[in-house]
């Protein structure tokens, strides 16, 4: 998802014809490499998409929200933690401790 060639169009094409829950699809390394459990949670939280939604039933605006959340999250954390080898647990910690009520 960090490559400049990974545009919304490419993201949409990647998901076309896929079946399954959006979280499982995002974490499938053969479909999109680099998204694990914590990042998929953060992406879907920011996009306001339930992780159990069927990917084939997502609308174009919902896919755009997911793409934008993914792009934003990876850009933010790649800059913030560019010298760290292992991603910190901050995104997960922030969401569960400060955003949820």
N, C-alpha and C. Protein backbone atom coordinates (compact mmCIF):
# COMPACT_ATOMS: atom_id res chain seq x y z
N UNK A 1 0.79 -1.21 0.00
CA UNK A 1 0.00 0.00 0.00
C UNK A 1 0.84 1.28 0.00
N UNK A 2 2.13 1.18 0.24
CA UNK A 2 2.96 2.37 0.28
C UNK A 2 3.47 2.78 -1.10
N UNK A 3 3.35 1.91 -2.07
CA UNK A 3 3.86 2.24 -3.41
C UNK A 3 2.98 3.30 -4.06
N UNK A 4 3.60 4.22 -4.77
CA UNK A 4 2.86 5.29 -5.45
C UNK A 4 1.94 4.73 -6.54
N UNK A 5 2.27 3.57 -7.07
CA UNK A 5 1.46 2.96 -8.12
C UNK A 5 0.19 2.30 -7.57
N UNK A 6 0.09 2.21 -6.25
CA UNK A 6 -1.09 1.61 -5.62
C UNK A 6 -2.17 2.68 -5.45
N UNK A 7 -2.84 2.98 -6.54
CA UNK A 7 -3.87 4.01 -6.59
C UNK A 7 -5.22 3.43 -6.16
N UNK A 8 -6.22 4.30 -6.04
CA UNK A 8 -7.56 3.81 -5.72
C UNK A 8 -8.04 2.86 -6.81
N UNK A 9 -7.77 3.19 -8.06
CA UNK A 9 -8.17 2.33 -9.17
C UNK A 9 -7.57 0.93 -9.01
N UNK A 10 -6.30 0.86 -8.68
CA UNK A 10 -5.62 -0.42 -8.49
C UNK A 10 -6.22 -1.16 -7.28
N UNK A 11 -6.48 -0.42 -6.21
CA UNK A 11 -7.09 -1.01 -5.01
C UNK A 11 -8.45 -1.61 -5.35
N UNK A 12 -9.28 -0.85 -6.05
CA UNK A 12 -10.61 -1.31 -6.45
C UNK A 12 -10.51 -2.55 -7.34
N UNK A 13 -9.60 -2.52 -8.30
CA UNK A 13 -9.41 -3.68 -9.19
C UNK A 13 -8.94 -4.91 -8.42
N UNK A 14 -8.11 -4.68 -7.42
CA UNK A 14 -7.60 -5.78 -6.59
C UNK A 14 -8.73 -6.48 -5.84
N UNK A 15 -9.73 -5.71 -5.43
CA UNK A 15 -10.83 -6.28 -4.65
C UNK A 15 -11.97 -6.83 -5.50
N UNK A 16 -12.01 -6.47 -6.78
CA UNK A 16 -13.08 -6.94 -7.65
C UNK A 16 -13.09 -8.47 -7.75
N UNK A 17 -14.26 -9.03 -7.59
CA UNK A 17 -14.41 -10.48 -7.69
C UNK A 17 -14.02 -11.24 -6.43
N UNK A 18 -13.56 -10.54 -5.42
CA UNK A 18 -13.18 -11.21 -4.17
C UNK A 18 -14.43 -11.47 -3.35
N UNK A 19 -14.39 -12.55 -2.60
CA UNK A 19 -15.48 -12.90 -1.70
C UNK A 19 -14.90 -13.05 -0.30
N UNK A 20 -15.67 -12.61 0.67
CA UNK A 20 -15.24 -12.73 2.06
C UNK A 20 -15.40 -11.43 2.81
N UNK A 21 -15.05 -11.48 4.06
CA UNK A 21 -15.15 -10.31 4.93
C UNK A 21 -14.00 -9.36 4.63
N UNK A 22 -14.28 -8.06 4.69
CA UNK A 22 -13.29 -7.06 4.32
C UNK A 22 -12.02 -7.16 5.16
N UNK A 23 -12.14 -7.42 6.45
CA UNK A 23 -10.94 -7.52 7.29
C UNK A 23 -10.05 -8.68 6.83
N UNK A 24 -10.66 -9.82 6.54
CA UNK A 24 -9.89 -10.98 6.08
C UNK A 24 -9.21 -10.69 4.74
N UNK A 25 -9.91 -9.98 3.87
CA UNK A 25 -9.35 -9.64 2.57
C UNK A 25 -8.15 -8.70 2.74
N UNK A 26 -8.31 -7.68 3.60
CA UNK A 26 -7.21 -6.74 3.82
C UNK A 26 -5.98 -7.42 4.41
N UNK A 27 -6.18 -8.42 5.25
CA UNK A 27 -5.05 -9.10 5.89
C UNK A 27 -4.44 -10.21 5.03
N UNK A 28 -5.09 -10.55 3.94
CA UNK A 28 -4.57 -11.61 3.07
C UNK A 28 -3.35 -11.07 2.31
N UNK A 29 -2.19 -11.57 2.65
CA UNK A 29 -0.93 -11.09 2.08
C UNK A 29 -0.80 -11.37 0.59
N UNK A 30 -1.59 -12.31 0.07
CA UNK A 30 -1.56 -12.59 -1.37
C UNK A 30 -2.39 -11.58 -2.14
N UNK A 31 -3.24 -10.85 -1.44
CA UNK A 31 -4.07 -9.83 -2.09
C UNK A 31 -3.42 -8.46 -1.93
N UNK A 32 -3.17 -8.06 -0.68
CA UNK A 32 -2.50 -6.79 -0.37
C UNK A 32 -1.46 -7.07 0.70
N UNK A 33 -0.21 -6.92 0.36
CA UNK A 33 0.87 -7.22 1.32
C UNK A 33 1.06 -6.08 2.30
N UNK A 34 1.33 -6.44 3.56
CA UNK A 34 1.72 -5.44 4.55
C UNK A 34 0.67 -5.03 5.55
N UNK A 35 -0.55 -5.55 5.43
CA UNK A 35 -1.59 -5.18 6.38
C UNK A 35 -1.86 -6.37 7.29
N UNK A 36 -1.62 -6.15 8.57
CA UNK A 36 -1.88 -7.18 9.57
C UNK A 36 -3.12 -6.86 10.38
N UNK A 37 -3.26 -7.55 11.49
CA UNK A 37 -4.44 -7.42 12.33
C UNK A 37 -4.64 -5.99 12.86
N UNK A 38 -3.62 -5.41 13.44
CA UNK A 38 -3.76 -4.07 14.03
C UNK A 38 -4.04 -3.03 12.96
N UNK A 39 -3.30 -3.07 11.86
CA UNK A 39 -3.51 -2.08 10.81
C UNK A 39 -4.87 -2.24 10.15
N UNK A 40 -5.34 -3.46 9.96
CA UNK A 40 -6.66 -3.64 9.37
C UNK A 40 -7.74 -3.09 10.30
N UNK A 41 -7.56 -3.29 11.61
CA UNK A 41 -8.50 -2.69 12.57
C UNK A 41 -8.52 -1.18 12.45
N UNK A 42 -7.35 -0.58 12.41
CA UNK A 42 -7.25 0.88 12.35
C UNK A 42 -7.84 1.43 11.05
N UNK A 43 -7.54 0.78 9.96
CA UNK A 43 -8.06 1.22 8.65
C UNK A 43 -9.59 1.19 8.65
N UNK A 44 -10.15 0.08 9.09
CA UNK A 44 -11.60 -0.06 9.07
C UNK A 44 -12.27 0.85 10.10
N UNK A 45 -11.63 1.07 11.22
CA UNK A 45 -12.15 2.00 12.23
C UNK A 45 -12.24 3.41 11.64
N UNK A 46 -11.16 3.85 11.02
CA UNK A 46 -11.13 5.20 10.43
C UNK A 46 -12.12 5.33 9.27
N UNK A 47 -12.31 4.25 8.52
CA UNK A 47 -13.22 4.27 7.38
C UNK A 47 -14.68 4.07 7.79
N UNK A 48 -14.88 3.74 9.07
CA UNK A 48 -16.22 3.48 9.61
C UNK A 48 -16.91 2.31 8.88
N UNK A 49 -16.14 1.26 8.66
CA UNK A 49 -16.64 0.05 8.01
C UNK A 49 -16.50 -1.11 8.99
N UNK A 50 -17.57 -1.85 9.18
CA UNK A 50 -17.52 -3.01 10.08
C UNK A 50 -16.63 -4.08 9.46
N UNK A 51 -15.74 -4.69 10.26
CA UNK A 51 -14.80 -5.69 9.72
C UNK A 51 -15.46 -6.93 9.12
N UNK A 52 -16.70 -7.21 9.50
CA UNK A 52 -17.36 -8.41 8.99
C UNK A 52 -18.20 -8.15 7.74
N UNK A 53 -18.16 -6.93 7.22
CA UNK A 53 -18.87 -6.63 5.98
C UNK A 53 -18.30 -7.44 4.83
N UNK A 54 -19.16 -7.90 3.98
CA UNK A 54 -18.74 -8.65 2.80
C UNK A 54 -18.14 -7.67 1.79
N UNK A 55 -16.94 -7.95 1.33
CA UNK A 55 -16.23 -7.04 0.44
C UNK A 55 -17.00 -6.80 -0.86
N UNK A 56 -17.73 -7.79 -1.32
CA UNK A 56 -18.47 -7.65 -2.58
C UNK A 56 -19.68 -6.72 -2.45
N UNK A 57 -20.08 -6.41 -1.22
CA UNK A 57 -21.24 -5.55 -1.00
C UNK A 57 -20.85 -4.11 -0.64
N UNK A 58 -19.57 -3.81 -0.65
CA UNK A 58 -19.14 -2.45 -0.32
C UNK A 58 -19.36 -1.52 -1.52
N UNK A 59 -19.83 -0.33 -1.24
CA UNK A 59 -20.06 0.66 -2.30
C UNK A 59 -18.75 1.35 -2.68
N UNK A 60 -18.76 2.07 -3.78
CA UNK A 60 -17.58 2.82 -4.22
C UNK A 60 -17.17 3.84 -3.15
N UNK A 61 -18.11 4.62 -2.58
CA UNK A 61 -17.71 5.55 -1.51
C UNK A 61 -17.09 4.84 -0.31
N UNK A 62 -17.59 3.67 0.05
CA UNK A 62 -17.02 2.92 1.17
C UNK A 62 -15.61 2.43 0.83
N UNK A 63 -15.42 1.96 -0.40
CA UNK A 63 -14.08 1.55 -0.83
C UNK A 63 -13.12 2.74 -0.81
N UNK A 64 -13.61 3.90 -1.22
CA UNK A 64 -12.77 5.10 -1.18
C UNK A 64 -12.39 5.45 0.25
N UNK A 65 -13.34 5.31 1.17
CA UNK A 65 -13.04 5.57 2.59
C UNK A 65 -11.97 4.62 3.11
N UNK A 66 -12.06 3.36 2.73
CA UNK A 66 -11.05 2.38 3.15
C UNK A 66 -9.70 2.74 2.56
N UNK A 67 -9.67 3.04 1.28
CA UNK A 67 -8.41 3.39 0.61
C UNK A 67 -7.78 4.63 1.25
N UNK A 68 -8.60 5.65 1.49
CA UNK A 68 -8.08 6.88 2.08
C UNK A 68 -7.58 6.65 3.50
N UNK A 69 -8.28 5.83 4.27
CA UNK A 69 -7.84 5.51 5.63
C UNK A 69 -6.52 4.73 5.59
N UNK A 70 -6.41 3.81 4.65
CA UNK A 70 -5.20 3.02 4.50
C UNK A 70 -4.02 3.91 4.12
N UNK A 71 -4.24 4.76 3.15
CA UNK A 71 -3.19 5.68 2.68
C UNK A 71 -2.76 6.63 3.81
N UNK A 72 -3.72 7.17 4.51
CA UNK A 72 -3.45 8.10 5.61
C UNK A 72 -2.67 7.42 6.73
N UNK A 73 -3.13 6.24 7.13
CA UNK A 73 -2.47 5.51 8.21
C UNK A 73 -1.03 5.15 7.85
N UNK A 74 -0.83 4.59 6.67
CA UNK A 74 0.51 4.19 6.29
C UNK A 74 1.43 5.39 6.09
N UNK A 75 0.93 6.46 5.54
CA UNK A 75 1.76 7.66 5.39
C UNK A 75 2.15 8.23 6.74
N UNK A 76 1.18 8.32 7.64
CA UNK A 76 1.44 8.87 8.97
C UNK A 76 2.47 8.04 9.72
N UNK A 77 2.27 6.75 9.77
CA UNK A 77 3.15 5.91 10.56
C UNK A 77 4.48 5.61 9.87
N UNK A 78 4.53 5.65 8.56
CA UNK A 78 5.82 5.45 7.90
C UNK A 78 6.73 6.66 8.15
N UNK A 79 6.14 7.85 8.25
CA UNK A 79 6.92 9.05 8.56
C UNK A 79 7.27 9.11 10.04
N UNK A 80 6.29 8.83 10.86
CA UNK A 80 6.47 8.94 12.31
C UNK A 80 7.46 7.92 12.85
N UNK A 81 7.45 6.72 12.29
CA UNK A 81 8.28 5.64 12.80
C UNK A 81 9.24 5.09 11.74
N UNK A 82 9.76 5.94 10.89
CA UNK A 82 10.58 5.46 9.77
C UNK A 82 11.88 4.79 10.21
N UNK A 83 12.35 5.05 11.41
CA UNK A 83 13.60 4.44 11.89
C UNK A 83 13.37 3.26 12.82
N UNK A 84 12.12 2.83 12.95
CA UNK A 84 11.79 1.70 13.83
C UNK A 84 11.51 0.48 12.98
N UNK A 85 12.11 -0.63 13.33
CA UNK A 85 11.94 -1.85 12.55
C UNK A 85 10.58 -2.51 12.81
N UNK A 86 10.13 -2.53 14.05
CA UNK A 86 8.87 -3.18 14.40
C UNK A 86 7.84 -2.10 14.68
N UNK A 87 6.68 -2.14 14.01
CA UNK A 87 5.67 -1.10 14.25
C UNK A 87 5.24 -1.07 15.71
N UNK A 88 5.13 0.11 16.30
CA UNK A 88 4.69 0.21 17.68
C UNK A 88 3.20 -0.12 17.80
N UNK A 89 2.75 -0.34 19.01
CA UNK A 89 1.34 -0.66 19.22
C UNK A 89 0.51 0.60 19.43
N UNK A 90 1.07 1.75 19.17
CA UNK A 90 0.37 3.01 19.42
C UNK A 90 -0.98 3.11 18.72
N UNK A 91 -1.12 2.76 17.43
CA UNK A 91 -2.44 2.93 16.80
C UNK A 91 -3.52 2.16 17.56
N UNK A 92 -3.22 0.93 17.91
CA UNK A 92 -4.15 0.08 18.63
C UNK A 92 -4.44 0.68 20.00
N UNK A 93 -3.38 1.09 20.69
CA UNK A 93 -3.51 1.65 22.03
C UNK A 93 -4.34 2.93 22.01
N UNK A 94 -4.05 3.82 21.06
CA UNK A 94 -4.77 5.09 20.96
C UNK A 94 -6.26 4.85 20.76
N UNK A 95 -6.60 3.96 19.85
CA UNK A 95 -8.01 3.74 19.52
C UNK A 95 -8.76 3.17 20.72
N UNK A 96 -8.20 2.15 21.35
CA UNK A 96 -8.90 1.50 22.44
C UNK A 96 -8.93 2.32 23.71
N UNK A 97 -7.91 3.12 23.94
CA UNK A 97 -7.84 3.88 25.18
C UNK A 97 -8.44 5.26 25.11
N UNK A 98 -8.41 5.88 23.95
CA UNK A 98 -8.83 7.27 23.86
C UNK A 98 -10.05 7.51 22.98
N UNK A 99 -10.25 6.74 21.94
CA UNK A 99 -11.35 6.99 21.02
C UNK A 99 -12.64 6.30 21.45
N UNK A 100 -12.52 5.16 22.07
CA UNK A 100 -13.71 4.43 22.48
C UNK A 100 -14.23 4.97 23.79
N UNK A 101 -15.53 4.98 23.93
CA UNK A 101 -16.13 5.48 25.18
C UNK A 101 -17.13 4.50 25.71
